All heavy atoms as atom14 arrays in JSON, in Angstrom:
{
  "sequence": "LSGGNQQKVILGRWTSELIDTKLLILDEPTKGIDVK",
  "atom14_mask": [
    [1, 1, 1, 1, 1, 1, 1, 1, 0, 0, 0, 0, 0, 0],
    [1, 1, 1, 1, 1, 1, 0, 0, 0, 0, 0, 0, 0, 0],
    [1, 1, 1, 1, 0, 0, 0, 0, 0, 0, 0, 0, 0, 0],
    [1, 1, 1, 1, 0, 0, 0, 0, 0, 0, 0, 0, 0, 0],
    [1, 1, 1, 1, 1, 1, 1, 1, 0, 0, 0, 0, 0, 0],
    [1, 1, 1, 1, 1, 1, 1, 1, 1, 0, 0, 0, 0, 0],
    [1, 1, 1, 1, 1, 1, 1, 1, 1, 0, 0, 0, 0, 0],
    [1, 1, 1, 1, 1, 1, 1, 1, 1, 0, 0, 0, 0, 0],
    [1, 1, 1, 1, 1, 1, 1, 0, 0, 0, 0, 0, 0, 0],
    [1, 1, 1, 1, 1, 1, 1, 1, 0, 0, 0, 0, 0, 0],
    [1, 1, 1, 1, 1, 1, 1, 1, 0, 0, 0, 0, 0, 0],
    [1, 1, 1, 1, 0, 0, 0, 0, 0, 0, 0, 0, 0, 0],
    [1, 1, 1, 1, 1, 1, 1, 1, 1, 1, 1, 0, 0, 0],
    [1, 1, 1, 1, 1, 1, 1, 1, 1, 1, 1, 1, 1, 1],
    [1, 1, 1, 1, 1, 1, 1, 0, 0, 0, 0, 0, 0, 0],
    [1, 1, 1, 1, 1, 1, 0, 0, 0, 0, 0, 0, 0, 0],
    [1, 1, 1, 1, 1, 1, 1, 1, 1, 0, 0, 0, 0, 0],
    [1, 1, 1, 1, 1, 1, 1, 1, 0, 0, 0, 0, 0, 0],
    [1, 1, 1, 1, 1, 1, 1, 1, 0, 0, 0, 0, 0, 0],
    [1, 1, 1, 1, 1, 1, 1, 1, 0, 0, 0, 0, 0, 0],
    [1, 1, 1, 1, 1, 1, 1, 0, 0, 0, 0, 0, 0, 0],
    [1, 1, 1, 1, 1, 1, 1, 1, 1, 0, 0, 0, 0, 0],
    [1, 1, 1, 1, 1, 1, 1, 1, 0, 0, 0, 0, 0, 0],
    [1, 1, 1, 1, 1, 1, 1, 1, 0, 0, 0, 0, 0, 0],
    [1, 1, 1, 1, 1, 1, 1, 1, 0, 0, 0, 0, 0, 0],
    [1, 1, 1, 1, 1, 1, 1, 1, 0, 0, 0, 0, 0, 0],
    [1, 1, 1, 1, 1, 1, 1, 1, 0, 0, 0, 0, 0, 0],
    [1, 1, 1, 1, 1, 1, 1, 1, 1, 0, 0, 0, 0, 0],
    [1, 1, 1, 1, 1, 1, 1, 0, 0, 0, 0, 0, 0, 0],
    [1, 1, 1, 1, 1, 1, 1, 0, 0, 0, 0, 0, 0, 0],
    [1, 1, 1, 1, 1, 1, 1, 1, 1, 0, 0, 0, 0, 0],
    [1, 1, 1, 1, 0, 0, 0, 0, 0, 0, 0, 0, 0, 0],
    [1, 1, 1, 1, 1, 1, 1, 1, 0, 0, 0, 0, 0, 0],
    [1, 1, 1, 1, 1, 1, 1, 1, 0, 0, 0, 0, 0, 0],
    [1, 1, 1, 1, 1, 1, 1, 0, 0, 0, 0, 0, 0, 0],
    [1, 1, 1, 1, 1, 1, 1, 1, 1, 0, 0, 0, 0, 0]
  ],
  "atom14_positions": [
    [[-29.03, -257.01, -114.07], [-28.99, -257.7, -112.78], [-28.26, -259.03, -112.9], [-28.16, -259.63, -113.98], [-30.41, -257.97, -112.28], [-31.33, -256.77, -112.04], [-32.71, -257.26, -111.62], [-30.74, -255.85, -110.98], [0.0, 0.0, 0.0], [0.0, 0.0, 0.0], [0.0, 0.0, 0.0], [0.0, 0.0, 0.0], [0.0, 0.0, 0.0], [0.0, 0.0, 0.0]],
    [[-27.77, -259.53, -111.76], [-27.18, -260.87, -111.73], [-28.29, -261.9, -111.87], [-29.48, -261.6, -111.73], [-26.45, -261.08, -110.4], [-27.39, -261.1, -109.33], [0.0, 0.0, 0.0], [0.0, 0.0, 0.0], [0.0, 0.0, 0.0], [0.0, 0.0, 0.0], [0.0, 0.0, 0.0], [0.0, 0.0, 0.0], [0.0, 0.0, 0.0], [0.0, 0.0, 0.0]],
    [[-27.9, -263.15, -112.14], [-28.87, -264.22, -112.32], [-29.76, -264.43, -111.11], [-30.98, -264.63, -111.23], [0.0, 0.0, 0.0], [0.0, 0.0, 0.0], [0.0, 0.0, 0.0], [0.0, 0.0, 0.0], [0.0, 0.0, 0.0], [0.0, 0.0, 0.0], [0.0, 0.0, 0.0], [0.0, 0.0, 0.0], [0.0, 0.0, 0.0], [0.0, 0.0, 0.0]],
    [[-29.17, -264.36, -109.91], [-29.94, -264.55, -108.7], [-30.97, -263.46, -108.5], [-32.11, -263.72, -108.11], [0.0, 0.0, 0.0], [0.0, 0.0, 0.0], [0.0, 0.0, 0.0], [0.0, 0.0, 0.0], [0.0, 0.0, 0.0], [0.0, 0.0, 0.0], [0.0, 0.0, 0.0], [0.0, 0.0, 0.0], [0.0, 0.0, 0.0], [0.0, 0.0, 0.0]],
    [[-30.59, -262.22, -108.78], [-31.52, -261.11, -108.64], [-32.6, -261.14, -109.72], [-33.75, -260.74, -109.47], [-30.77, -259.78, -108.66], [-30.03, -259.52, -107.36], [-30.61, -259.59, -106.29], [-28.74, -259.24, -107.45], [0.0, 0.0, 0.0], [0.0, 0.0, 0.0], [0.0, 0.0, 0.0], [0.0, 0.0, 0.0], [0.0, 0.0, 0.0], [0.0, 0.0, 0.0]],
    [[-32.26, -261.62, -110.91], [-33.27, -261.8, -111.95], [-34.32, -262.81, -111.49], [-35.53, -262.62, -111.69], [-32.63, -262.27, -113.25], [-31.83, -261.21, -113.96], [-31.16, -261.72, -115.22], [-31.11, -262.93, -115.47], [-30.64, -260.81, -116.03], [0.0, 0.0, 0.0], [0.0, 0.0, 0.0], [0.0, 0.0, 0.0], [0.0, 0.0, 0.0], [0.0, 0.0, 0.0]],
    [[-33.86, -263.91, -110.86], [-34.8, -264.92, -110.38], [-35.71, -264.34, -109.3], [-36.91, -264.64, -109.24], [-34.03, -266.12, -109.82], [-34.9, -267.34, -109.52], [-35.44, -267.97, -110.79], [-34.72, -268.2, -111.74], [-36.73, -268.24, -110.82], [0.0, 0.0, 0.0], [0.0, 0.0, 0.0], [0.0, 0.0, 0.0], [0.0, 0.0, 0.0], [0.0, 0.0, 0.0]],
    [[-35.16, -263.48, -108.45], [-35.96, -262.86, -107.4], [-37.02, -261.93, -107.99], [-38.11, -261.78, -107.42], [-35.06, -262.1, -106.43], [-34.19, -262.99, -105.55], [-33.3, -262.15, -104.65], [-32.41, -263.0, -103.76], [-31.55, -262.16, -102.89], [0.0, 0.0, 0.0], [0.0, 0.0, 0.0], [0.0, 0.0, 0.0], [0.0, 0.0, 0.0], [0.0, 0.0, 0.0]],
    [[-36.71, -261.28, -109.11], [-37.69, -260.43, -109.77], [-38.9, -261.26, -110.21], [-40.05, -260.85, -110.05], [-37.07, -259.69, -110.98], [-38.15, -259.01, -111.82], [-36.06, -258.65, -110.51], [0.0, 0.0, 0.0], [0.0, 0.0, 0.0], [0.0, 0.0, 0.0], [0.0, 0.0, 0.0], [0.0, 0.0, 0.0], [0.0, 0.0, 0.0], [0.0, 0.0, 0.0]],
    [[-38.63, -262.45, -110.76], [-39.74, -263.32, -111.19], [-40.57, -263.75, -109.99], [-41.8, -263.74, -110.04], [-39.2, -264.55, -111.94], [-38.41, -264.13, -113.18], [-40.35, -265.46, -112.35], [-37.78, -265.27, -113.94], [0.0, 0.0, 0.0], [0.0, 0.0, 0.0], [0.0, 0.0, 0.0], [0.0, 0.0, 0.0], [0.0, 0.0, 0.0], [0.0, 0.0, 0.0]],
    [[-39.91, -264.1, -108.9], [-40.64, -264.48, -107.69], [-41.46, -263.31, -107.17], [-42.61, -263.48, -106.74], [-39.66, -264.97, -106.62], [-38.95, -266.29, -106.89], [-37.89, -266.56, -105.83], [-39.95, -267.45, -106.93], [0.0, 0.0, 0.0], [0.0, 0.0, 0.0], [0.0, 0.0, 0.0], [0.0, 0.0, 0.0], [0.0, 0.0, 0.0], [0.0, 0.0, 0.0]],
    [[-40.89, -262.12, -107.22], [-41.61, -260.94, -106.77], [-42.84, -260.67, -107.62], [-43.87, -260.19, -107.12], [0.0, 0.0, 0.0], [0.0, 0.0, 0.0], [0.0, 0.0, 0.0], [0.0, 0.0, 0.0], [0.0, 0.0, 0.0], [0.0, 0.0, 0.0], [0.0, 0.0, 0.0], [0.0, 0.0, 0.0], [0.0, 0.0, 0.0], [0.0, 0.0, 0.0]],
    [[-42.74, -260.98, -108.9], [-43.88, -260.79, -109.8], [-45.07, -261.67, -109.4], [-46.21, -261.23, -109.36], [-43.47, -261.11, -111.23], [-44.64, -261.17, -112.2], [-44.24, -261.86, -113.49], [-43.2, -261.12, -114.17], [-42.42, -261.65, -115.11], [-42.53, -262.93, -115.42], [-41.51, -260.91, -115.7], [0.0, 0.0, 0.0], [0.0, 0.0, 0.0], [0.0, 0.0, 0.0]],
    [[-44.78, -262.94, -109.11], [-45.85, -263.91, -108.92], [-46.35, -264.01, -107.48], [-47.32, -264.72, -107.22], [-45.41, -265.28, -109.39], [-45.18, -265.38, -110.86], [-44.03, -265.77, -111.49], [-46.12, -265.11, -111.9], [-44.18, -265.74, -112.85], [-45.47, -265.33, -113.12], [-47.44, -264.67, -111.9], [-46.1, -265.14, -114.35], [-48.07, -264.49, -113.12], [-47.4, -264.73, -114.33]],
    [[-45.7, -263.33, -106.55], [-46.12, -263.47, -105.15], [-46.46, -262.13, -104.52], [-46.43, -261.99, -103.3], [-45.01, -264.16, -104.33], [-43.79, -263.42, -104.44], [-44.78, -265.58, -104.81], [0.0, 0.0, 0.0], [0.0, 0.0, 0.0], [0.0, 0.0, 0.0], [0.0, 0.0, 0.0], [0.0, 0.0, 0.0], [0.0, 0.0, 0.0], [0.0, 0.0, 0.0]],
    [[-46.8, -261.14, -105.34], [-47.2, -259.85, -104.79], [-48.6, -259.97, -104.18], [-49.34, -260.92, -104.45], [-47.21, -258.78, -105.88], [-48.37, -258.89, -106.7], [0.0, 0.0, 0.0], [0.0, 0.0, 0.0], [0.0, 0.0, 0.0], [0.0, 0.0, 0.0], [0.0, 0.0, 0.0], [0.0, 0.0, 0.0], [0.0, 0.0, 0.0], [0.0, 0.0, 0.0]],
    [[-48.96, -258.97, -103.36], [-50.27, -258.98, -102.7], [-51.42, -258.81, -103.68], [-52.59, -259.04, -103.32], [-50.32, -257.89, -101.63], [-50.18, -256.49, -102.16], [-48.75, -255.97, -102.22], [-47.83, -256.82, -102.33], [-48.55, -254.76, -102.18], [0.0, 0.0, 0.0], [0.0, 0.0, 0.0], [0.0, 0.0, 0.0], [0.0, 0.0, 0.0], [0.0, 0.0, 0.0]],
    [[-51.12, -258.44, -104.93], [-52.17, -258.25, -105.92], [-52.47, -259.51, -106.72], [-53.35, -259.51, -107.58], [-51.78, -257.11, -106.89], [-51.61, -255.73, -106.26], [-51.32, -254.7, -107.34], [-52.84, -255.33, -105.47], [0.0, 0.0, 0.0], [0.0, 0.0, 0.0], [0.0, 0.0, 0.0], [0.0, 0.0, 0.0], [0.0, 0.0, 0.0], [0.0, 0.0, 0.0]],
    [[-51.73, -260.59, -106.45], [-51.94, -261.85, -107.16], [-52.29, -262.94, -106.15], [-51.58, -263.13, -105.16], [-50.69, -262.27, -107.96], [-50.45, -261.3, -109.12], [-50.81, -263.68, -108.49], [-49.34, -261.7, -110.04], [0.0, 0.0, 0.0], [0.0, 0.0, 0.0], [0.0, 0.0, 0.0], [0.0, 0.0, 0.0], [0.0, 0.0, 0.0], [0.0, 0.0, 0.0]],
    [[-53.35, -263.66, -106.43], [-53.75, -264.77, -105.57], [-53.17, -266.06, -106.13], [-53.87, -266.86, -106.76], [-55.28, -264.85, -105.49], [-55.74, -265.98, -104.57], [-54.95, -266.4, -103.7], [-56.9, -266.43, -104.72], [0.0, 0.0, 0.0], [0.0, 0.0, 0.0], [0.0, 0.0, 0.0], [0.0, 0.0, 0.0], [0.0, 0.0, 0.0], [0.0, 0.0, 0.0]],
    [[-51.87, -266.25, -105.94], [-51.2, -267.44, -106.46], [-51.51, -268.64, -105.57], [-51.2, -268.63, -104.38], [-49.67, -267.22, -106.53], [-49.4, -266.14, -107.43], [-48.97, -268.47, -107.03], [0.0, 0.0, 0.0], [0.0, 0.0, 0.0], [0.0, 0.0, 0.0], [0.0, 0.0, 0.0], [0.0, 0.0, 0.0], [0.0, 0.0, 0.0], [0.0, 0.0, 0.0]],
    [[-52.11, -269.64, -106.17], [-52.42, -270.87, -105.46], [-51.36, -271.94, -105.72], [-51.0, -272.7, -104.81], [-53.79, -271.41, -105.89], [-54.95, -270.48, -105.61], [-56.24, -271.06, -106.15], [-57.42, -270.13, -105.89], [-58.68, -270.68, -106.48], [0.0, 0.0, 0.0], [0.0, 0.0, 0.0], [0.0, 0.0, 0.0], [0.0, 0.0, 0.0], [0.0, 0.0, 0.0]],
    [[-50.88, -271.98, -106.96], [-49.9, -272.98, -107.37], [-48.72, -272.28, -108.01], [-48.87, -271.55, -108.99], [-50.52, -273.96, -108.37], [-49.58, -274.98, -109.02], [-48.97, -275.92, -107.99], [-50.31, -275.78, -110.1], [0.0, 0.0, 0.0], [0.0, 0.0, 0.0], [0.0, 0.0, 0.0], [0.0, 0.0, 0.0], [0.0, 0.0, 0.0], [0.0, 0.0, 0.0]],
    [[-47.52, -272.48, -107.46], [-46.29, -271.86, -107.97], [-45.39, -272.96, -108.53], [-44.98, -273.87, -107.81], [-45.58, -271.11, -106.85], [-44.27, -270.4, -107.21], [-44.51, -269.33, -108.28], [-43.65, -269.77, -105.97], [0.0, 0.0, 0.0], [0.0, 0.0, 0.0], [0.0, 0.0, 0.0], [0.0, 0.0, 0.0], [0.0, 0.0, 0.0], [0.0, 0.0, 0.0]],
    [[-45.09, -272.88, -109.83], [-44.23, -273.86, -110.49], [-42.86, -273.24, -110.69], [-42.72, -272.21, -111.37], [-44.82, -274.29, -111.84], [-46.25, -274.8, -111.68], [-43.95, -275.38, -112.47], [-46.97, -275.05, -112.99], [0.0, 0.0, 0.0], [0.0, 0.0, 0.0], [0.0, 0.0, 0.0], [0.0, 0.0, 0.0], [0.0, 0.0, 0.0], [0.0, 0.0, 0.0]],
    [[-41.83, -273.84, -110.11], [-40.46, -273.34, -110.2], [-39.63, -274.35, -111.0], [-39.37, -275.46, -110.53], [-39.86, -273.17, -108.8], [-40.65, -272.27, -107.85], [-40.05, -272.33, -106.44], [-40.65, -270.84, -108.35], [0.0, 0.0, 0.0], [0.0, 0.0, 0.0], [0.0, 0.0, 0.0], [0.0, 0.0, 0.0], [0.0, 0.0, 0.0], [0.0, 0.0, 0.0]],
    [[-39.23, -273.96, -112.21], [-38.46, -274.86, -113.07], [-37.0, -274.41, -113.07], [-36.68, -273.34, -113.59], [-39.03, -274.82, -114.49], [-38.49, -275.94, -115.38], [-37.59, -276.68, -114.92], [-38.97, -276.08, -116.52], [0.0, 0.0, 0.0], [0.0, 0.0, 0.0], [0.0, 0.0, 0.0], [0.0, 0.0, 0.0], [0.0, 0.0, 0.0], [0.0, 0.0, 0.0]],
    [[-36.14, -275.2, -112.46], [-34.7, -274.9, -112.32], [-34.5, -273.5, -111.72], [-33.78, -272.66, -112.29], [-33.98, -275.0, -113.67], [-34.08, -276.35, -114.34], [-33.21, -277.42, -113.69], [-32.61, -277.13, -112.64], [-33.13, -278.54, -114.22], [0.0, 0.0, 0.0], [0.0, 0.0, 0.0], [0.0, 0.0, 0.0], [0.0, 0.0, 0.0], [0.0, 0.0, 0.0]],
    [[-35.09, -273.22, -110.55], [-35.01, -271.86, -110.0], [-33.64, -271.44, -109.53], [-33.41, -270.25, -109.31], [-35.99, -271.92, -108.83], [-36.0, -273.35, -108.4], [-35.86, -274.13, -109.68], [0.0, 0.0, 0.0], [0.0, 0.0, 0.0], [0.0, 0.0, 0.0], [0.0, 0.0, 0.0], [0.0, 0.0, 0.0], [0.0, 0.0, 0.0], [0.0, 0.0, 0.0]],
    [[-32.7, -272.4, -109.34], [-31.37, -272.02, -108.84], [-30.28, -272.21, -109.89], [-29.1, -272.14, -109.56], [-31.01, -272.84, -107.59], [-30.9, -274.23, -107.94], [-32.07, -272.68, -106.51], [0.0, 0.0, 0.0], [0.0, 0.0, 0.0], [0.0, 0.0, 0.0], [0.0, 0.0, 0.0], [0.0, 0.0, 0.0], [0.0, 0.0, 0.0], [0.0, 0.0, 0.0]],
    [[-30.65, -272.41, -111.16], [-29.65, -272.62, -112.2], [-28.8, -271.36, -112.37], [-29.32, -270.26, -112.55], [-30.32, -272.98, -113.53], [-29.34, -273.3, -114.64], [-30.03, -273.93, -115.83], [-30.84, -272.93, -116.61], [-31.38, -273.5, -117.86], [0.0, 0.0, 0.0], [0.0, 0.0, 0.0], [0.0, 0.0, 0.0], [0.0, 0.0, 0.0], [0.0, 0.0, 0.0]],
    [[-27.49, -271.51, -112.3], [-26.59, -270.38, -112.48], [-26.59, -269.39, -111.33], [-26.25, -268.23, -111.5], [0.0, 0.0, 0.0], [0.0, 0.0, 0.0], [0.0, 0.0, 0.0], [0.0, 0.0, 0.0], [0.0, 0.0, 0.0], [0.0, 0.0, 0.0], [0.0, 0.0, 0.0], [0.0, 0.0, 0.0], [0.0, 0.0, 0.0], [0.0, 0.0, 0.0]],
    [[-26.96, -269.87, -110.12], [-27.08, -268.99, -108.96], [-26.1, -269.43, -107.88], [-25.88, -270.63, -107.67], [-28.53, -269.0, -108.43], [-29.45, -268.29, -109.44], [-28.65, -268.35, -107.08], [-30.9, -268.32, -109.09], [0.0, 0.0, 0.0], [0.0, 0.0, 0.0], [0.0, 0.0, 0.0], [0.0, 0.0, 0.0], [0.0, 0.0, 0.0], [0.0, 0.0, 0.0]],
    [[-25.52, -268.47, -107.16], [-24.5, -268.77, -106.17], [-25.1, -269.44, -104.93], [-26.32, -269.43, -104.71], [-23.75, -267.5, -105.78], [-24.68, -266.5, -105.11], [-24.93, -266.63, -103.9], [-25.16, -265.59, -105.79], [0.0, 0.0, 0.0], [0.0, 0.0, 0.0], [0.0, 0.0, 0.0], [0.0, 0.0, 0.0], [0.0, 0.0, 0.0], [0.0, 0.0, 0.0]],
    [[-24.23, -269.99, -104.08], [-24.67, -270.8, -102.95], [-25.49, -270.0, -101.93], [-26.45, -270.52, -101.36], [-23.47, -271.47, -102.25], [-22.91, -272.57, -103.11], [-22.39, -270.46, -101.9], [0.0, 0.0, 0.0], [0.0, 0.0, 0.0], [0.0, 0.0, 0.0], [0.0, 0.0, 0.0], [0.0, 0.0, 0.0], [0.0, 0.0, 0.0], [0.0, 0.0, 0.0]],
    [[-25.12, -268.75, -101.7], [-25.87, -267.96, -100.73], [-27.28, -267.68, -101.22], [-28.26, -267.82, -100.48], [-25.14, -266.64, -100.45], [-25.86, -265.78, -99.41], [-25.17, -264.44, -99.23], [-25.93, -263.54, -98.27], [-25.35, -262.19, -98.17], [0.0, 0.0, 0.0], [0.0, 0.0, 0.0], [0.0, 0.0, 0.0], [0.0, 0.0, 0.0], [0.0, 0.0, 0.0]]
  ]
}
């Protein structure tokens, strides 16, 4: 996958309906990702 799609996979992991995420820490979430 491209870098942007890899980042979306991580987001999908932590924000699924099976996880009760209260605090989400994003460290350089847009590094190496295109403007769109």
